[in-house]
Amino acid sequence: MSEAESPRPIEITRANQHDIKVIWNNGAETIFPARMLRLACPCAECIDEMSGRKRLREEAVPKDVHPLSISPVGRYAIQIQWSDGHQTGIYTWERLYQLTRMA
């Protein structure tokens, strides 16, 4: 799939108190459980940059973790400030779309 054909969000909102809803330009709609997205954080603190191994321990993330804010990063991603204090992960549109399989 080329860059021009890659699905992109046309709307990102809260689905409820904790979860995130994305409506894609291909008509699909995804509700991401907040904790699942937090556990999938791609930042260097959560994923070892050299090996690609997950550093984030699942038990370290509260069951009720939720987004405090969602901010755009250019025209290619979002950054989420989480209730557990974490905020360094950047979720690209490509990464978010890959995660739709887990949602």
N, C-alpha and C. Protein backbone atom coordinates (compact mmCIF):
# COMPACT_ATOMS: atom_id res chain seq x y z
N MET A 1 0.85 -1.18 0.00
CA MET A 1 0.00 0.00 0.00
C MET A 1 0.89 1.24 0.00
N SER A 2 0.70 2.12 -0.95
CA SER A 2 1.53 3.32 -1.03
C SER A 2 1.14 4.33 0.03
N GLU A 3 2.01 5.33 0.22
CA GLU A 3 1.75 6.40 1.19
C GLU A 3 0.40 7.05 0.93
N ALA A 4 0.08 7.29 -0.36
CA ALA A 4 -1.18 7.95 -0.71
C ALA A 4 -2.38 7.06 -0.38
N GLU A 5 -2.19 5.74 -0.41
CA GLU A 5 -3.28 4.82 -0.15
C GLU A 5 -3.39 4.42 1.31
N SER A 6 -2.43 4.78 2.12
CA SER A 6 -2.44 4.38 3.53
C SER A 6 -3.61 5.01 4.26
N PRO A 7 -4.34 4.23 5.06
CA PRO A 7 -5.44 4.80 5.84
C PRO A 7 -4.93 5.88 6.79
N ARG A 8 -5.72 6.93 6.91
CA ARG A 8 -5.40 8.05 7.80
C ARG A 8 -6.65 8.39 8.60
N PRO A 9 -6.47 8.80 9.84
CA PRO A 9 -7.63 9.20 10.64
C PRO A 9 -8.25 10.48 10.09
N ILE A 10 -9.57 10.52 10.10
CA ILE A 10 -10.26 11.77 9.80
C ILE A 10 -10.87 12.35 11.07
N GLU A 11 -10.95 11.51 12.11
CA GLU A 11 -11.45 11.98 13.41
C GLU A 11 -10.88 11.09 14.52
N ILE A 12 -10.40 11.73 15.59
CA ILE A 12 -9.91 11.02 16.77
C ILE A 12 -10.60 11.64 17.97
N THR A 13 -11.35 10.82 18.69
CA THR A 13 -12.11 11.30 19.85
C THR A 13 -12.08 10.26 20.95
N ARG A 14 -12.67 10.58 22.06
CA ARG A 14 -12.85 9.60 23.13
C ARG A 14 -14.06 8.73 22.79
N ALA A 15 -13.94 7.46 23.04
CA ALA A 15 -15.07 6.55 22.85
C ALA A 15 -15.92 6.50 24.11
N ASN A 16 -15.28 6.71 25.24
CA ASN A 16 -15.91 6.73 26.55
C ASN A 16 -14.89 7.37 27.49
N GLN A 17 -14.99 7.11 28.77
CA GLN A 17 -14.07 7.74 29.72
C GLN A 17 -12.61 7.34 29.50
N HIS A 18 -12.37 6.12 29.02
CA HIS A 18 -11.00 5.62 28.90
C HIS A 18 -10.51 5.38 27.48
N ASP A 19 -11.38 4.97 26.59
CA ASP A 19 -10.94 4.48 25.29
C ASP A 19 -10.92 5.57 24.22
N ILE A 20 -10.24 5.27 23.12
CA ILE A 20 -10.04 6.23 22.03
C ILE A 20 -10.69 5.68 20.76
N LYS A 21 -11.47 6.53 20.10
CA LYS A 21 -12.15 6.15 18.86
C LYS A 21 -11.49 6.86 17.69
N VAL A 22 -11.19 6.09 16.65
CA VAL A 22 -10.60 6.63 15.43
C VAL A 22 -11.51 6.27 14.27
N ILE A 23 -11.86 7.28 13.48
CA ILE A 23 -12.57 7.05 12.24
C ILE A 23 -11.56 7.29 11.12
N TRP A 24 -11.41 6.28 10.26
CA TRP A 24 -10.39 6.30 9.21
C TRP A 24 -10.99 6.78 7.89
N ASN A 25 -10.11 7.29 7.01
CA ASN A 25 -10.57 7.80 5.72
C ASN A 25 -11.06 6.70 4.78
N ASN A 26 -10.88 5.44 5.15
CA ASN A 26 -11.40 4.33 4.34
C ASN A 26 -12.77 3.87 4.83
N GLY A 27 -13.34 4.61 5.82
CA GLY A 27 -14.67 4.29 6.34
C GLY A 27 -14.66 3.41 7.58
N ALA A 28 -13.51 2.84 7.91
CA ALA A 28 -13.42 1.98 9.09
C ALA A 28 -13.45 2.82 10.36
N GLU A 29 -13.89 2.21 11.43
CA GLU A 29 -13.90 2.85 12.75
C GLU A 29 -13.28 1.87 13.74
N THR A 30 -12.39 2.38 14.56
CA THR A 30 -11.71 1.54 15.55
C THR A 30 -11.86 2.17 16.93
N ILE A 31 -12.20 1.34 17.90
CA ILE A 31 -12.16 1.79 19.30
C ILE A 31 -10.99 1.07 19.95
N PHE A 32 -10.01 1.86 20.36
CA PHE A 32 -8.81 1.33 20.99
C PHE A 32 -8.99 1.36 22.50
N PRO A 33 -8.93 0.20 23.17
CA PRO A 33 -8.91 0.22 24.62
C PRO A 33 -7.68 1.00 25.09
N ALA A 34 -7.86 1.93 26.00
CA ALA A 34 -6.77 2.80 26.43
C ALA A 34 -5.56 2.02 26.93
N ARG A 35 -5.77 1.03 27.75
CA ARG A 35 -4.64 0.28 28.32
C ARG A 35 -3.87 -0.45 27.21
N MET A 36 -4.58 -0.97 26.23
CA MET A 36 -3.91 -1.64 25.11
C MET A 36 -3.00 -0.66 24.38
N LEU A 37 -3.49 0.55 24.12
CA LEU A 37 -2.65 1.55 23.45
C LEU A 37 -1.46 1.94 24.31
N ARG A 38 -1.68 2.11 25.60
CA ARG A 38 -0.57 2.46 26.50
C ARG A 38 0.50 1.37 26.49
N LEU A 39 0.07 0.11 26.52
CA LEU A 39 1.02 -1.01 26.51
C LEU A 39 1.73 -1.14 25.16
N ALA A 40 1.17 -0.55 24.11
CA ALA A 40 1.77 -0.60 22.78
C ALA A 40 2.61 0.64 22.49
N CYS A 41 2.93 1.41 23.51
CA CYS A 41 3.71 2.63 23.31
C CYS A 41 5.04 2.30 22.62
N PRO A 42 5.37 3.03 21.55
CA PRO A 42 6.57 2.73 20.79
C PRO A 42 7.82 3.51 21.22
N CYS A 43 7.75 4.25 22.30
CA CYS A 43 8.89 5.11 22.66
C CYS A 43 10.08 4.30 23.18
N ALA A 44 11.24 4.96 23.26
CA ALA A 44 12.47 4.30 23.69
C ALA A 44 12.43 3.86 25.15
N GLU A 45 11.61 4.50 25.95
CA GLU A 45 11.46 4.08 27.34
C GLU A 45 10.69 2.76 27.45
N CYS A 46 9.80 2.51 26.49
CA CYS A 46 8.96 1.31 26.52
C CYS A 46 9.49 0.18 25.64
N ILE A 47 10.24 0.53 24.61
CA ILE A 47 10.82 -0.45 23.69
C ILE A 47 12.32 -0.17 23.57
N ASP A 48 13.16 -1.17 23.81
CA ASP A 48 14.60 -1.00 23.69
C ASP A 48 14.95 -0.64 22.25
N GLU A 49 15.64 0.46 22.07
CA GLU A 49 15.97 0.95 20.73
C GLU A 49 16.90 0.01 19.96
N MET A 50 17.81 -0.63 20.66
CA MET A 50 18.79 -1.49 19.98
C MET A 50 18.22 -2.86 19.61
N SER A 51 17.52 -3.48 20.56
CA SER A 51 17.05 -4.84 20.34
C SER A 51 15.60 -4.91 19.87
N GLY A 52 14.82 -3.86 20.13
CA GLY A 52 13.40 -3.90 19.80
C GLY A 52 12.56 -4.63 20.84
N ARG A 53 13.22 -5.10 21.91
CA ARG A 53 12.50 -5.82 22.97
C ARG A 53 11.68 -4.85 23.81
N LYS A 54 10.55 -5.34 24.25
CA LYS A 54 9.67 -4.55 25.10
C LYS A 54 10.33 -4.38 26.48
N ARG A 55 10.39 -3.13 26.94
CA ARG A 55 10.94 -2.83 28.26
C ARG A 55 9.83 -2.58 29.27
N LEU A 56 8.67 -2.15 28.78
CA LEU A 56 7.54 -1.83 29.65
C LEU A 56 6.95 -3.11 30.23
N ARG A 57 6.86 -3.14 31.54
CA ARG A 57 6.23 -4.29 32.21
C ARG A 57 4.73 -4.05 32.30
N GLU A 58 3.97 -5.02 31.86
CA GLU A 58 2.51 -4.89 31.84
C GLU A 58 1.95 -4.57 33.22
N GLU A 59 2.52 -5.18 34.25
CA GLU A 59 2.02 -4.95 35.61
C GLU A 59 2.31 -3.54 36.11
N ALA A 60 3.17 -2.80 35.41
CA ALA A 60 3.49 -1.43 35.81
C ALA A 60 2.45 -0.42 35.33
N VAL A 61 1.58 -0.86 34.42
CA VAL A 61 0.57 0.04 33.86
C VAL A 61 -0.76 -0.20 34.58
N PRO A 62 -1.31 0.84 35.21
CA PRO A 62 -2.58 0.68 35.93
C PRO A 62 -3.70 0.19 35.00
N LYS A 63 -4.58 -0.62 35.55
CA LYS A 63 -5.72 -1.15 34.77
C LYS A 63 -6.61 -0.03 34.25
N ASP A 64 -6.68 1.08 35.00
CA ASP A 64 -7.56 2.18 34.62
C ASP A 64 -6.83 3.33 33.93
N VAL A 65 -5.65 3.07 33.37
CA VAL A 65 -4.90 4.12 32.67
C VAL A 65 -5.78 4.69 31.56
N HIS A 66 -5.68 5.99 31.37
CA HIS A 66 -6.50 6.64 30.34
C HIS A 66 -5.80 7.90 29.84
N PRO A 67 -6.19 8.36 28.66
CA PRO A 67 -5.56 9.56 28.12
C PRO A 67 -6.06 10.81 28.84
N LEU A 68 -5.11 11.68 29.18
CA LEU A 68 -5.47 12.99 29.72
C LEU A 68 -5.60 13.99 28.58
N SER A 69 -4.74 13.81 27.57
CA SER A 69 -4.83 14.65 26.37
C SER A 69 -4.26 13.89 25.19
N ILE A 70 -4.72 14.28 24.00
CA ILE A 70 -4.25 13.71 22.75
C ILE A 70 -3.88 14.89 21.87
N SER A 71 -2.62 14.95 21.44
CA SER A 71 -2.14 16.09 20.66
C SER A 71 -1.63 15.63 19.30
N PRO A 72 -1.90 16.40 18.26
CA PRO A 72 -1.36 16.05 16.95
C PRO A 72 0.15 16.27 16.92
N VAL A 73 0.83 15.44 16.15
CA VAL A 73 2.26 15.60 15.88
C VAL A 73 2.34 15.75 14.36
N GLY A 74 2.52 16.97 13.92
CA GLY A 74 2.52 17.22 12.48
C GLY A 74 1.25 16.70 11.84
N ARG A 75 1.40 16.13 10.66
CA ARG A 75 0.25 15.55 9.95
C ARG A 75 0.40 14.04 9.85
N TYR A 76 1.15 13.45 10.79
CA TYR A 76 1.45 12.02 10.66
C TYR A 76 1.25 11.20 11.92
N ALA A 77 0.90 11.83 13.06
CA ALA A 77 0.86 11.06 14.31
C ALA A 77 0.11 11.83 15.40
N ILE A 78 -0.07 11.13 16.53
CA ILE A 78 -0.57 11.75 17.75
C ILE A 78 0.37 11.40 18.90
N GLN A 79 0.34 12.24 19.90
CA GLN A 79 1.06 11.98 21.14
C GLN A 79 0.02 12.02 22.25
N ILE A 80 0.07 11.04 23.14
CA ILE A 80 -0.92 10.92 24.19
C ILE A 80 -0.27 11.15 25.54
N GLN A 81 -0.86 12.01 26.33
CA GLN A 81 -0.44 12.16 27.73
C GLN A 81 -1.33 11.24 28.54
N TRP A 82 -0.71 10.26 29.21
CA TRP A 82 -1.44 9.22 29.94
C TRP A 82 -1.58 9.58 31.41
N SER A 83 -2.59 9.02 32.03
CA SER A 83 -2.86 9.26 33.45
C SER A 83 -1.78 8.69 34.37
N ASP A 84 -0.93 7.79 33.86
CA ASP A 84 0.17 7.26 34.67
C ASP A 84 1.43 8.13 34.57
N GLY A 85 1.31 9.29 33.91
CA GLY A 85 2.43 10.21 33.80
C GLY A 85 3.26 10.06 32.54
N HIS A 86 3.02 9.02 31.78
CA HIS A 86 3.81 8.78 30.56
C HIS A 86 3.29 9.65 29.42
N GLN A 87 4.22 10.17 28.60
CA GLN A 87 3.78 11.02 27.48
C GLN A 87 4.77 11.10 26.33
N THR A 88 5.74 10.22 26.27
CA THR A 88 6.77 10.36 25.25
C THR A 88 6.50 9.56 23.97
N GLY A 89 5.52 8.71 23.96
CA GLY A 89 5.25 7.90 22.77
C GLY A 89 4.55 8.68 21.67
N ILE A 90 5.00 8.48 20.46
CA ILE A 90 4.36 9.06 19.28
C ILE A 90 3.76 7.91 18.48
N TYR A 91 2.46 7.97 18.28
CA TYR A 91 1.73 6.93 17.55
C TYR A 91 1.47 7.44 16.14
N THR A 92 2.24 6.93 15.17
CA THR A 92 2.04 7.33 13.78
C THR A 92 0.74 6.73 13.26
N TRP A 93 0.23 7.30 12.18
CA TRP A 93 -0.99 6.75 11.58
C TRP A 93 -0.77 5.30 11.19
N GLU A 94 0.41 5.00 10.63
CA GLU A 94 0.71 3.62 10.23
C GLU A 94 0.68 2.68 11.43
N ARG A 95 1.32 3.10 12.52
CA ARG A 95 1.35 2.27 13.74
C ARG A 95 -0.06 2.08 14.30
N LEU A 96 -0.83 3.16 14.36
CA LEU A 96 -2.21 3.04 14.85
C LEU A 96 -3.01 2.06 14.00
N TYR A 97 -2.85 2.17 12.68
CA TYR A 97 -3.61 1.27 11.82
C TYR A 97 -3.18 -0.19 12.02
N GLN A 98 -1.89 -0.41 12.23
CA GLN A 98 -1.41 -1.77 12.53
C GLN A 98 -2.05 -2.29 13.81
N LEU A 99 -2.25 -1.40 14.78
CA LEU A 99 -2.83 -1.80 16.06
C LEU A 99 -4.33 -2.09 16.00
N THR A 100 -4.96 -1.77 14.87
CA THR A 100 -6.40 -2.05 14.76
C THR A 100 -6.67 -3.56 14.86
N ARG A 101 -5.69 -4.34 14.51
CA ARG A 101 -5.84 -5.80 14.61
C ARG A 101 -5.93 -6.28 16.06
N MET A 102 -5.38 -5.49 16.97
CA MET A 102 -5.38 -5.85 18.39
C MET A 102 -6.59 -5.28 19.13
N ALA A 103 -7.20 -4.24 18.56
CA ALA A 103 -8.31 -3.54 19.25
C ALA A 103 -9.57 -4.36 19.26
